[in-house]
Amino acid sequence: MIPNRGDNLTINSICTEGLRDRFRARISLRKPGEKYVWTLHDYVGRPRVMSHRATVIPIEDALNRKSSMRQAVVRIRSRQSLTRTGRAGVEVVGEQGGDDVKEITEFVVIQKRLWKGTDEKWKVWGTTEETSAEGMREALHPKVPEVKDGKIVSPASS
């Protein structure tokens, strides 16, 4: 644990391992005395479940207890701000600093596992980007470059 540098207890309890490790790495890069305060001012509308999926994981224990996973993507619109203070407790103005309230739309991915018969709590897996119709077309029909004599002769085209 990193004392006085981030809320590790909360991070451990609500985040999956991968997200937890990314947060810890970011926190460890903070300069001594540097502090961030995130403020949720209000929600813009209500959160909305955009996707909810479940799958069986082919892992069992010796007692044939099953494993599965559920994931949901939740769109959250809110007004929030991030303030950074430096070593002397003075607010740092700049890219990460300031008390500018911004309206943000986030797509938060949460997951819940049933692991070898043990039901776990919902945890935050991370965030994702909204998929556009064009993004879906590209995923279903990827562009393939033209290759001649082992070399790319033209960029990918549709």
N, C-alpha and C. Protein backbone atom coordinates (compact mmCIF):
# COMPACT_ATOMS: atom_id res chain seq x y z
N MET A 1 0.83 -1.20 0.00
CA MET A 1 0.00 0.00 0.00
C MET A 1 0.86 1.25 0.00
N ILE A 2 0.34 2.31 -0.57
CA ILE A 2 1.03 3.58 -0.61
C ILE A 2 0.35 4.49 0.41
N PRO A 3 0.98 4.77 1.55
CA PRO A 3 0.32 5.57 2.58
C PRO A 3 0.08 7.00 2.12
N ASN A 4 -1.12 7.52 2.47
CA ASN A 4 -1.49 8.91 2.20
C ASN A 4 -1.42 9.29 0.72
N ARG A 5 -1.53 8.33 -0.16
CA ARG A 5 -1.46 8.62 -1.59
C ARG A 5 -2.55 7.86 -2.31
N GLY A 6 -3.75 8.40 -2.30
CA GLY A 6 -4.87 7.73 -2.93
C GLY A 6 -5.65 6.94 -1.90
N ASP A 7 -6.87 6.64 -2.23
CA ASP A 7 -7.74 5.88 -1.33
C ASP A 7 -7.67 4.41 -1.71
N ASN A 8 -6.60 3.74 -1.28
CA ASN A 8 -6.37 2.36 -1.67
C ASN A 8 -7.45 1.40 -1.19
N LEU A 9 -8.02 1.62 -0.02
CA LEU A 9 -9.06 0.72 0.47
C LEU A 9 -10.27 0.73 -0.46
N THR A 10 -10.68 1.92 -0.88
CA THR A 10 -11.81 2.02 -1.79
C THR A 10 -11.45 1.44 -3.15
N ILE A 11 -10.28 1.76 -3.66
CA ILE A 11 -9.84 1.23 -4.95
C ILE A 11 -9.86 -0.29 -4.93
N ASN A 12 -9.32 -0.90 -3.88
CA ASN A 12 -9.30 -2.36 -3.77
C ASN A 12 -10.70 -2.96 -3.72
N SER A 13 -11.63 -2.27 -3.08
CA SER A 13 -12.96 -2.86 -2.88
C SER A 13 -13.88 -2.70 -4.08
N ILE A 14 -13.65 -1.70 -4.95
CA ILE A 14 -14.60 -1.48 -6.04
C ILE A 14 -14.03 -1.70 -7.44
N CYS A 15 -12.73 -1.94 -7.56
CA CYS A 15 -12.10 -2.09 -8.88
C CYS A 15 -11.61 -3.52 -9.11
N THR A 16 -11.66 -3.95 -10.36
CA THR A 16 -11.05 -5.23 -10.73
C THR A 16 -9.53 -5.09 -10.63
N GLU A 17 -8.83 -6.22 -10.67
CA GLU A 17 -7.38 -6.22 -10.47
C GLU A 17 -6.64 -5.34 -11.48
N GLY A 18 -7.00 -5.43 -12.75
CA GLY A 18 -6.31 -4.66 -13.78
C GLY A 18 -6.46 -3.16 -13.59
N LEU A 19 -7.68 -2.71 -13.32
CA LEU A 19 -7.92 -1.29 -13.10
C LEU A 19 -7.23 -0.83 -11.82
N ARG A 20 -7.30 -1.64 -10.79
CA ARG A 20 -6.63 -1.33 -9.52
C ARG A 20 -5.14 -1.11 -9.75
N ASP A 21 -4.51 -2.00 -10.51
CA ASP A 21 -3.07 -1.89 -10.75
C ASP A 21 -2.73 -0.64 -11.57
N ARG A 22 -3.58 -0.28 -12.53
CA ARG A 22 -3.35 0.94 -13.31
C ARG A 22 -3.47 2.18 -12.42
N PHE A 23 -4.47 2.20 -11.52
CA PHE A 23 -4.62 3.34 -10.60
C PHE A 23 -3.41 3.44 -9.67
N ARG A 24 -2.98 2.32 -9.12
CA ARG A 24 -1.81 2.34 -8.22
C ARG A 24 -0.58 2.87 -8.94
N ALA A 25 -0.38 2.47 -10.20
CA ALA A 25 0.78 2.95 -10.96
C ALA A 25 0.69 4.46 -11.15
N ARG A 26 -0.49 4.97 -11.48
CA ARG A 26 -0.66 6.41 -11.66
C ARG A 26 -0.44 7.17 -10.36
N ILE A 27 -0.97 6.63 -9.26
CA ILE A 27 -0.81 7.28 -7.96
C ILE A 27 0.66 7.31 -7.56
N SER A 28 1.38 6.24 -7.85
CA SER A 28 2.80 6.19 -7.45
C SER A 28 3.65 7.21 -8.19
N LEU A 29 3.16 7.71 -9.34
CA LEU A 29 3.91 8.70 -10.11
C LEU A 29 3.69 10.13 -9.60
N ARG A 30 2.77 10.32 -8.66
CA ARG A 30 2.53 11.65 -8.13
C ARG A 30 3.75 12.15 -7.36
N LYS A 31 3.97 13.43 -7.45
CA LYS A 31 5.06 14.05 -6.70
C LYS A 31 4.69 14.11 -5.22
N PRO A 32 5.67 14.04 -4.33
CA PRO A 32 5.37 14.16 -2.89
C PRO A 32 4.62 15.46 -2.60
N GLY A 33 3.57 15.36 -1.82
CA GLY A 33 2.79 16.53 -1.46
C GLY A 33 1.71 16.90 -2.46
N GLU A 34 1.70 16.26 -3.61
CA GLU A 34 0.71 16.55 -4.64
C GLU A 34 -0.59 15.84 -4.29
N LYS A 35 -1.72 16.53 -4.44
CA LYS A 35 -3.01 15.96 -4.07
C LYS A 35 -4.05 16.32 -5.14
N TYR A 36 -4.88 15.35 -5.47
CA TYR A 36 -5.97 15.57 -6.41
C TYR A 36 -7.30 15.43 -5.66
N VAL A 37 -8.22 16.34 -5.95
CA VAL A 37 -9.56 16.25 -5.36
C VAL A 37 -10.55 16.29 -6.51
N TRP A 38 -11.27 15.18 -6.67
CA TRP A 38 -12.30 15.07 -7.71
C TRP A 38 -13.64 15.38 -7.05
N THR A 39 -14.45 16.19 -7.72
CA THR A 39 -15.75 16.57 -7.18
C THR A 39 -16.84 16.27 -8.20
N LEU A 40 -17.84 15.52 -7.78
CA LEU A 40 -19.04 15.29 -8.58
C LEU A 40 -20.04 16.37 -8.18
N HIS A 41 -20.35 17.28 -9.10
CA HIS A 41 -21.26 18.38 -8.78
C HIS A 41 -22.72 17.94 -8.90
N ASP A 42 -23.06 17.26 -9.98
CA ASP A 42 -24.40 16.70 -10.13
C ASP A 42 -24.45 15.80 -11.36
N TYR A 43 -25.51 15.02 -11.42
CA TYR A 43 -25.74 14.16 -12.58
C TYR A 43 -26.57 14.92 -13.60
N VAL A 44 -26.34 14.64 -14.87
CA VAL A 44 -27.14 15.20 -15.95
C VAL A 44 -28.02 14.06 -16.43
N GLY A 45 -29.26 14.06 -16.03
CA GLY A 45 -30.14 12.95 -16.35
C GLY A 45 -29.83 11.75 -15.47
N ARG A 46 -30.35 10.60 -15.87
CA ARG A 46 -30.14 9.38 -15.10
C ARG A 46 -29.15 8.47 -15.83
N PRO A 47 -28.36 7.70 -15.08
CA PRO A 47 -27.50 6.71 -15.73
C PRO A 47 -28.36 5.73 -16.54
N ARG A 48 -27.79 5.19 -17.62
CA ARG A 48 -28.53 4.28 -18.48
C ARG A 48 -27.66 3.06 -18.81
N VAL A 49 -28.24 1.88 -18.64
CA VAL A 49 -27.55 0.65 -19.01
C VAL A 49 -27.61 0.54 -20.53
N MET A 50 -26.42 0.54 -21.15
CA MET A 50 -26.33 0.49 -22.60
C MET A 50 -26.17 -0.95 -23.10
N SER A 51 -25.58 -1.80 -22.26
CA SER A 51 -25.33 -3.18 -22.64
C SER A 51 -25.25 -4.01 -21.37
N HIS A 52 -25.75 -5.25 -21.44
CA HIS A 52 -25.68 -6.17 -20.30
C HIS A 52 -25.54 -7.58 -20.86
N ARG A 53 -24.40 -8.21 -20.60
CA ARG A 53 -24.11 -9.53 -21.16
C ARG A 53 -23.64 -10.47 -20.06
N ALA A 54 -23.84 -11.76 -20.30
CA ALA A 54 -23.37 -12.79 -19.37
C ALA A 54 -22.81 -13.95 -20.17
N THR A 55 -21.84 -14.63 -19.58
CA THR A 55 -21.25 -15.80 -20.23
C THR A 55 -20.79 -16.79 -19.18
N VAL A 56 -20.80 -18.05 -19.57
CA VAL A 56 -20.27 -19.10 -18.71
C VAL A 56 -18.77 -19.21 -18.98
N ILE A 57 -17.98 -19.33 -17.92
CA ILE A 57 -16.54 -19.52 -18.05
C ILE A 57 -16.26 -20.99 -17.80
N PRO A 58 -15.58 -21.67 -18.71
CA PRO A 58 -15.39 -23.12 -18.57
C PRO A 58 -14.33 -23.50 -17.52
N ILE A 59 -14.57 -23.05 -16.29
CA ILE A 59 -13.67 -23.36 -15.17
C ILE A 59 -14.55 -23.87 -14.03
N GLU A 60 -14.18 -25.01 -13.49
CA GLU A 60 -14.89 -25.57 -12.34
C GLU A 60 -13.86 -25.96 -11.30
N ASP A 61 -14.34 -26.14 -10.08
CA ASP A 61 -13.43 -26.67 -9.06
C ASP A 61 -13.71 -28.16 -8.89
N ALA A 62 -13.09 -28.79 -7.91
CA ALA A 62 -13.22 -30.24 -7.69
C ALA A 62 -14.65 -30.64 -7.36
N LEU A 63 -15.45 -29.71 -6.88
CA LEU A 63 -16.85 -30.00 -6.53
C LEU A 63 -17.81 -29.64 -7.66
N ASN A 64 -17.28 -29.40 -8.86
CA ASN A 64 -18.07 -29.04 -10.05
C ASN A 64 -18.83 -27.73 -9.88
N ARG A 65 -18.31 -26.83 -9.05
CA ARG A 65 -18.94 -25.51 -8.90
C ARG A 65 -18.54 -24.67 -10.12
N LYS A 66 -19.52 -24.07 -10.73
CA LYS A 66 -19.36 -23.37 -12.01
C LYS A 66 -18.81 -21.95 -11.84
N SER A 67 -18.38 -21.38 -12.96
CA SER A 67 -17.93 -20.00 -13.02
C SER A 67 -18.65 -19.30 -14.17
N SER A 68 -18.95 -18.02 -13.97
CA SER A 68 -19.57 -17.21 -15.02
C SER A 68 -19.26 -15.75 -14.76
N MET A 69 -19.59 -14.92 -15.75
CA MET A 69 -19.32 -13.49 -15.61
C MET A 69 -20.44 -12.70 -16.26
N ARG A 70 -20.78 -11.59 -15.62
CA ARG A 70 -21.73 -10.62 -16.19
C ARG A 70 -20.99 -9.31 -16.34
N GLN A 71 -21.24 -8.63 -17.44
CA GLN A 71 -20.70 -7.28 -17.65
C GLN A 71 -21.80 -6.37 -18.12
N ALA A 72 -21.77 -5.14 -17.64
CA ALA A 72 -22.72 -4.13 -18.07
C ALA A 72 -21.95 -2.86 -18.40
N VAL A 73 -22.43 -2.15 -19.42
CA VAL A 73 -21.88 -0.84 -19.75
C VAL A 73 -22.95 0.17 -19.38
N VAL A 74 -22.57 1.13 -18.52
CA VAL A 74 -23.51 2.13 -18.03
C VAL A 74 -23.04 3.51 -18.49
N ARG A 75 -23.94 4.22 -19.17
CA ARG A 75 -23.62 5.59 -19.59
C ARG A 75 -23.98 6.52 -18.44
N ILE A 76 -23.01 7.34 -18.03
CA ILE A 76 -23.23 8.28 -16.94
C ILE A 76 -22.84 9.67 -17.44
N ARG A 77 -23.78 10.59 -17.35
CA ARG A 77 -23.51 11.99 -17.70
C ARG A 77 -23.50 12.77 -16.39
N SER A 78 -22.46 13.58 -16.22
CA SER A 78 -22.34 14.33 -14.97
C SER A 78 -21.56 15.61 -15.18
N ARG A 79 -21.65 16.47 -14.18
CA ARG A 79 -20.83 17.67 -14.13
C ARG A 79 -19.83 17.44 -13.02
N GLN A 80 -18.53 17.58 -13.34
CA GLN A 80 -17.49 17.27 -12.38
C GLN A 80 -16.28 18.17 -12.57
N SER A 81 -15.44 18.18 -11.55
CA SER A 81 -14.21 18.97 -11.63
C SER A 81 -13.09 18.21 -10.93
N LEU A 82 -11.86 18.57 -11.29
CA LEU A 82 -10.67 17.98 -10.70
C LEU A 82 -9.74 19.12 -10.31
N THR A 83 -9.36 19.14 -9.03
CA THR A 83 -8.45 20.16 -8.54
C THR A 83 -7.17 19.49 -8.07
N ARG A 84 -6.04 20.08 -8.45
CA ARG A 84 -4.74 19.56 -8.04
C ARG A 84 -4.07 20.61 -7.18
N THR A 85 -3.56 20.16 -6.04
CA THR A 85 -2.80 21.06 -5.19
C THR A 85 -1.37 20.57 -5.11
N GLY A 86 -0.46 21.51 -5.03
CA GLY A 86 0.96 21.19 -4.96
C GLY A 86 1.42 21.03 -3.53
N ARG A 87 2.73 20.97 -3.37
CA ARG A 87 3.36 20.70 -2.08
C ARG A 87 2.92 21.68 -1.00
N ALA A 88 2.80 22.96 -1.29
CA ALA A 88 2.45 23.96 -0.28
C ALA A 88 0.95 24.06 -0.08
N GLY A 89 0.16 23.15 -0.69
CA GLY A 89 -1.29 23.21 -0.56
C GLY A 89 -1.93 24.24 -1.45
N VAL A 90 -1.15 24.80 -2.38
CA VAL A 90 -1.65 25.82 -3.30
C VAL A 90 -2.21 25.14 -4.54
N GLU A 91 -3.38 25.60 -4.96
CA GLU A 91 -4.00 25.02 -6.15
C GLU A 91 -3.14 25.27 -7.37
N VAL A 92 -2.93 24.21 -8.16
CA VAL A 92 -2.14 24.30 -9.39
C VAL A 92 -3.10 24.51 -10.55
N VAL A 93 -2.90 25.58 -11.28
CA VAL A 93 -3.77 25.86 -12.42
C VAL A 93 -3.07 25.34 -13.67
N GLY A 94 -3.83 24.72 -14.52
CA GLY A 94 -3.25 24.17 -15.75
C GLY A 94 -4.10 23.04 -16.25
N GLU A 95 -3.49 22.16 -17.01
CA GLU A 95 -4.22 21.07 -17.66
C GLU A 95 -5.00 20.21 -16.66
N GLN A 96 -4.37 19.80 -15.55
CA GLN A 96 -5.04 18.96 -14.56
C GLN A 96 -5.64 19.77 -13.42
N GLY A 97 -5.27 21.02 -13.32
CA GLY A 97 -5.70 21.81 -12.17
C GLY A 97 -6.89 22.67 -12.49
N GLY A 98 -7.22 23.53 -11.56
CA GLY A 98 -8.33 24.44 -11.73
C GLY A 98 -9.62 23.82 -11.25
N ASP A 99 -10.60 24.66 -11.06
CA ASP A 99 -11.88 24.18 -10.55
C ASP A 99 -12.95 24.32 -11.62
N ASP A 100 -12.55 24.15 -12.89
CA ASP A 100 -13.50 24.26 -13.99
C ASP A 100 -14.44 23.07 -13.98
N VAL A 101 -15.72 23.36 -13.90
CA VAL A 101 -16.72 22.30 -13.93
C VAL A 101 -16.98 21.94 -15.38
N LYS A 102 -16.88 20.62 -15.68
CA LYS A 102 -17.07 20.15 -17.05
C LYS A 102 -18.19 19.11 -17.06
N GLU A 103 -18.97 19.14 -18.14
CA GLU A 103 -19.97 18.10 -18.34
C GLU A 103 -19.29 16.94 -19.06
N ILE A 104 -19.36 15.77 -18.46
CA ILE A 104 -18.65 14.59 -18.94
C ILE A 104 -19.66 13.46 -19.21
N THR A 105 -19.46 12.74 -20.31
CA THR A 105 -20.21 11.50 -20.56
C THR A 105 -19.22 10.36 -20.51
N GLU A 106 -19.47 9.41 -19.61
CA GLU A 106 -18.59 8.26 -19.45
C GLU A 106 -19.38 6.98 -19.68
N PHE A 107 -18.70 6.00 -20.25
CA PHE A 107 -19.27 4.67 -20.43
C PHE A 107 -18.48 3.75 -19.51
N VAL A 108 -19.06 3.46 -18.34
CA VAL A 108 -18.38 2.69 -17.30
C VAL A 108 -18.73 1.22 -17.45
N VAL A 109 -17.72 0.36 -17.46
CA VAL A 109 -17.92 -1.08 -17.56
C VAL A 109 -17.80 -1.66 -16.15
N ILE A 110 -18.85 -2.36 -15.73
CA ILE A 110 -18.84 -3.03 -14.43
C ILE A 110 -19.00 -4.53 -14.66
N GLN A 111 -18.44 -5.32 -13.75
CA GLN A 111 -18.56 -6.76 -13.92
C GLN A 111 -18.80 -7.44 -12.58
N LYS A 112 -19.43 -8.60 -12.67
CA LYS A 112 -19.73 -9.44 -11.51
C LYS A 112 -19.41 -10.87 -11.91
N ARG A 113 -18.68 -11.56 -11.03
CA ARG A 113 -18.30 -12.95 -11.34
C ARG A 113 -18.93 -13.91 -10.34
N LEU A 114 -19.24 -15.07 -10.85
CA LEU A 114 -19.51 -16.24 -10.03
C LEU A 114 -18.28 -17.10 -10.26
N TRP A 115 -17.39 -17.20 -9.27
CA TRP A 115 -16.11 -17.86 -9.46
C TRP A 115 -16.04 -19.13 -8.64
N LYS A 116 -16.12 -20.27 -9.36
CA LYS A 116 -16.09 -21.60 -8.73
C LYS A 116 -17.10 -21.68 -7.59
N GLY A 117 -18.31 -21.20 -7.90
CA GLY A 117 -19.42 -21.29 -6.96
C GLY A 117 -19.54 -20.13 -5.99
N THR A 118 -18.57 -19.22 -5.96
CA THR A 118 -18.61 -18.08 -5.03
C THR A 118 -19.05 -16.83 -5.78
N ASP A 119 -20.15 -16.23 -5.32
CA ASP A 119 -20.69 -15.04 -5.94
C ASP A 119 -19.91 -13.82 -5.45
N GLU A 120 -19.34 -13.04 -6.37
CA GLU A 120 -18.57 -11.85 -6.03
C GLU A 120 -19.42 -10.60 -6.22
N LYS A 121 -18.98 -9.48 -5.66
CA LYS A 121 -19.68 -8.20 -5.78
C LYS A 121 -19.40 -7.58 -7.15
N TRP A 122 -20.28 -6.66 -7.56
CA TRP A 122 -20.03 -5.87 -8.76
C TRP A 122 -18.78 -5.04 -8.55
N LYS A 123 -17.92 -4.95 -9.58
CA LYS A 123 -16.71 -4.14 -9.52
C LYS A 123 -16.55 -3.37 -10.83
N VAL A 124 -15.84 -2.26 -10.74
CA VAL A 124 -15.58 -1.45 -11.93
C VAL A 124 -14.42 -2.07 -12.70
N TRP A 125 -14.65 -2.38 -13.97
CA TRP A 125 -13.63 -2.95 -14.83
C TRP A 125 -12.83 -1.85 -15.53
N GLY A 126 -13.51 -0.75 -15.88
CA GLY A 126 -12.86 0.36 -16.57
C GLY A 126 -13.89 1.18 -17.33
N THR A 127 -13.45 1.85 -18.36
CA THR A 127 -14.35 2.63 -19.20
C THR A 127 -14.14 2.21 -20.65
N THR A 128 -15.07 2.60 -21.49
CA THR A 128 -14.98 2.30 -22.91
C THR A 128 -15.50 3.50 -23.68
N GLU A 129 -15.37 3.46 -24.98
CA GLU A 129 -15.85 4.53 -25.85
C GLU A 129 -17.16 4.09 -26.49
N GLU A 130 -17.99 5.05 -26.82
CA GLU A 130 -19.24 4.76 -27.52
C GLU A 130 -18.91 4.27 -28.92
N THR A 131 -19.62 3.24 -29.37
CA THR A 131 -19.40 2.70 -30.70
C THR A 131 -20.36 3.36 -31.68
N SER A 132 -19.81 3.89 -32.77
CA SER A 132 -20.62 4.53 -33.81
C SER A 132 -20.99 3.48 -34.86
N ALA A 133 -21.91 3.85 -35.74
CA ALA A 133 -22.28 2.96 -36.85
C ALA A 133 -21.06 2.69 -37.73
N GLU A 134 -20.24 3.71 -37.97
CA GLU A 134 -19.03 3.54 -38.77
C GLU A 134 -18.05 2.59 -38.08
N GLY A 135 -17.94 2.72 -36.78
CA GLY A 135 -17.06 1.82 -36.03
C GLY A 135 -17.51 0.37 -36.13
N MET A 136 -18.81 0.14 -36.11
CA MET A 136 -19.34 -1.22 -36.26
C MET A 136 -19.05 -1.76 -37.65
N ARG A 137 -19.22 -0.92 -38.69
CA ARG A 137 -18.92 -1.36 -40.06
C ARG A 137 -17.45 -1.75 -40.18
N GLU A 138 -16.56 -0.95 -39.61
CA GLU A 138 -15.12 -1.25 -39.69
C GLU A 138 -14.79 -2.54 -38.94
N ALA A 139 -15.45 -2.78 -37.81
CA ALA A 139 -15.20 -4.00 -37.04
C ALA A 139 -15.69 -5.23 -37.81
N LEU A 140 -16.81 -5.10 -38.49
CA LEU A 140 -17.37 -6.23 -39.23
C LEU A 140 -16.69 -6.46 -40.58
N HIS A 141 -16.19 -5.38 -41.18
CA HIS A 141 -15.56 -5.46 -42.50
C HIS A 141 -14.23 -4.69 -42.46
N PRO A 142 -13.19 -5.28 -41.86
CA PRO A 142 -11.91 -4.56 -41.75
C PRO A 142 -11.30 -4.27 -43.11
N LYS A 143 -10.60 -3.15 -43.20
CA LYS A 143 -9.93 -2.76 -44.43
C LYS A 143 -8.64 -3.57 -44.54
N VAL A 144 -8.41 -4.13 -45.72
CA VAL A 144 -7.22 -4.96 -45.95
C VAL A 144 -6.35 -4.29 -47.00
N PRO A 145 -5.08 -4.05 -46.69
CA PRO A 145 -4.22 -3.41 -47.69
C PRO A 145 -3.89 -4.37 -48.83
N GLU A 146 -3.60 -3.81 -50.00
CA GLU A 146 -3.19 -4.62 -51.15
C GLU A 146 -1.70 -4.93 -51.02
N VAL A 147 -1.36 -6.22 -51.18
CA VAL A 147 0.02 -6.68 -51.03
C VAL A 147 0.46 -7.31 -52.35
N LYS A 148 1.66 -6.92 -52.81
CA LYS A 148 2.22 -7.48 -54.05
C LYS A 148 3.69 -7.78 -53.79
N ASP A 149 4.10 -9.00 -54.04
CA ASP A 149 5.48 -9.45 -53.81
C ASP A 149 5.91 -9.21 -52.38
N GLY A 150 4.98 -9.43 -51.45
CA GLY A 150 5.31 -9.32 -50.03
C GLY A 150 5.37 -7.90 -49.51
N LYS A 151 5.02 -6.90 -50.33
CA LYS A 151 5.07 -5.50 -49.90
C LYS A 151 3.69 -4.89 -50.05
N ILE A 152 3.39 -3.97 -49.15
CA ILE A 152 2.12 -3.25 -49.24
C ILE A 152 2.25 -2.23 -50.35
N VAL A 153 1.36 -2.33 -51.36
CA VAL A 153 1.42 -1.42 -52.51
C VAL A 153 0.35 -0.34 -52.46
N SER A 154 -0.66 -0.54 -51.62
CA SER A 154 -1.69 0.49 -51.46
C SER A 154 -2.21 0.44 -50.03
N PRO A 155 -2.57 1.60 -49.51
CA PRO A 155 -3.14 1.59 -48.16
C PRO A 155 -4.49 0.88 -48.17
N ALA A 156 -4.93 0.50 -47.00
CA ALA A 156 -6.23 -0.16 -46.89
C ALA A 156 -7.31 0.75 -47.42
N SER A 157 -8.21 0.18 -48.18
CA SER A 157 -9.35 0.95 -48.69
C SER A 157 -10.60 0.12 -48.51
N SER A 158 -11.74 0.82 -48.54
CA SER A 158 -12.98 0.09 -48.29
C SER A 158 -13.49 -0.66 -49.46
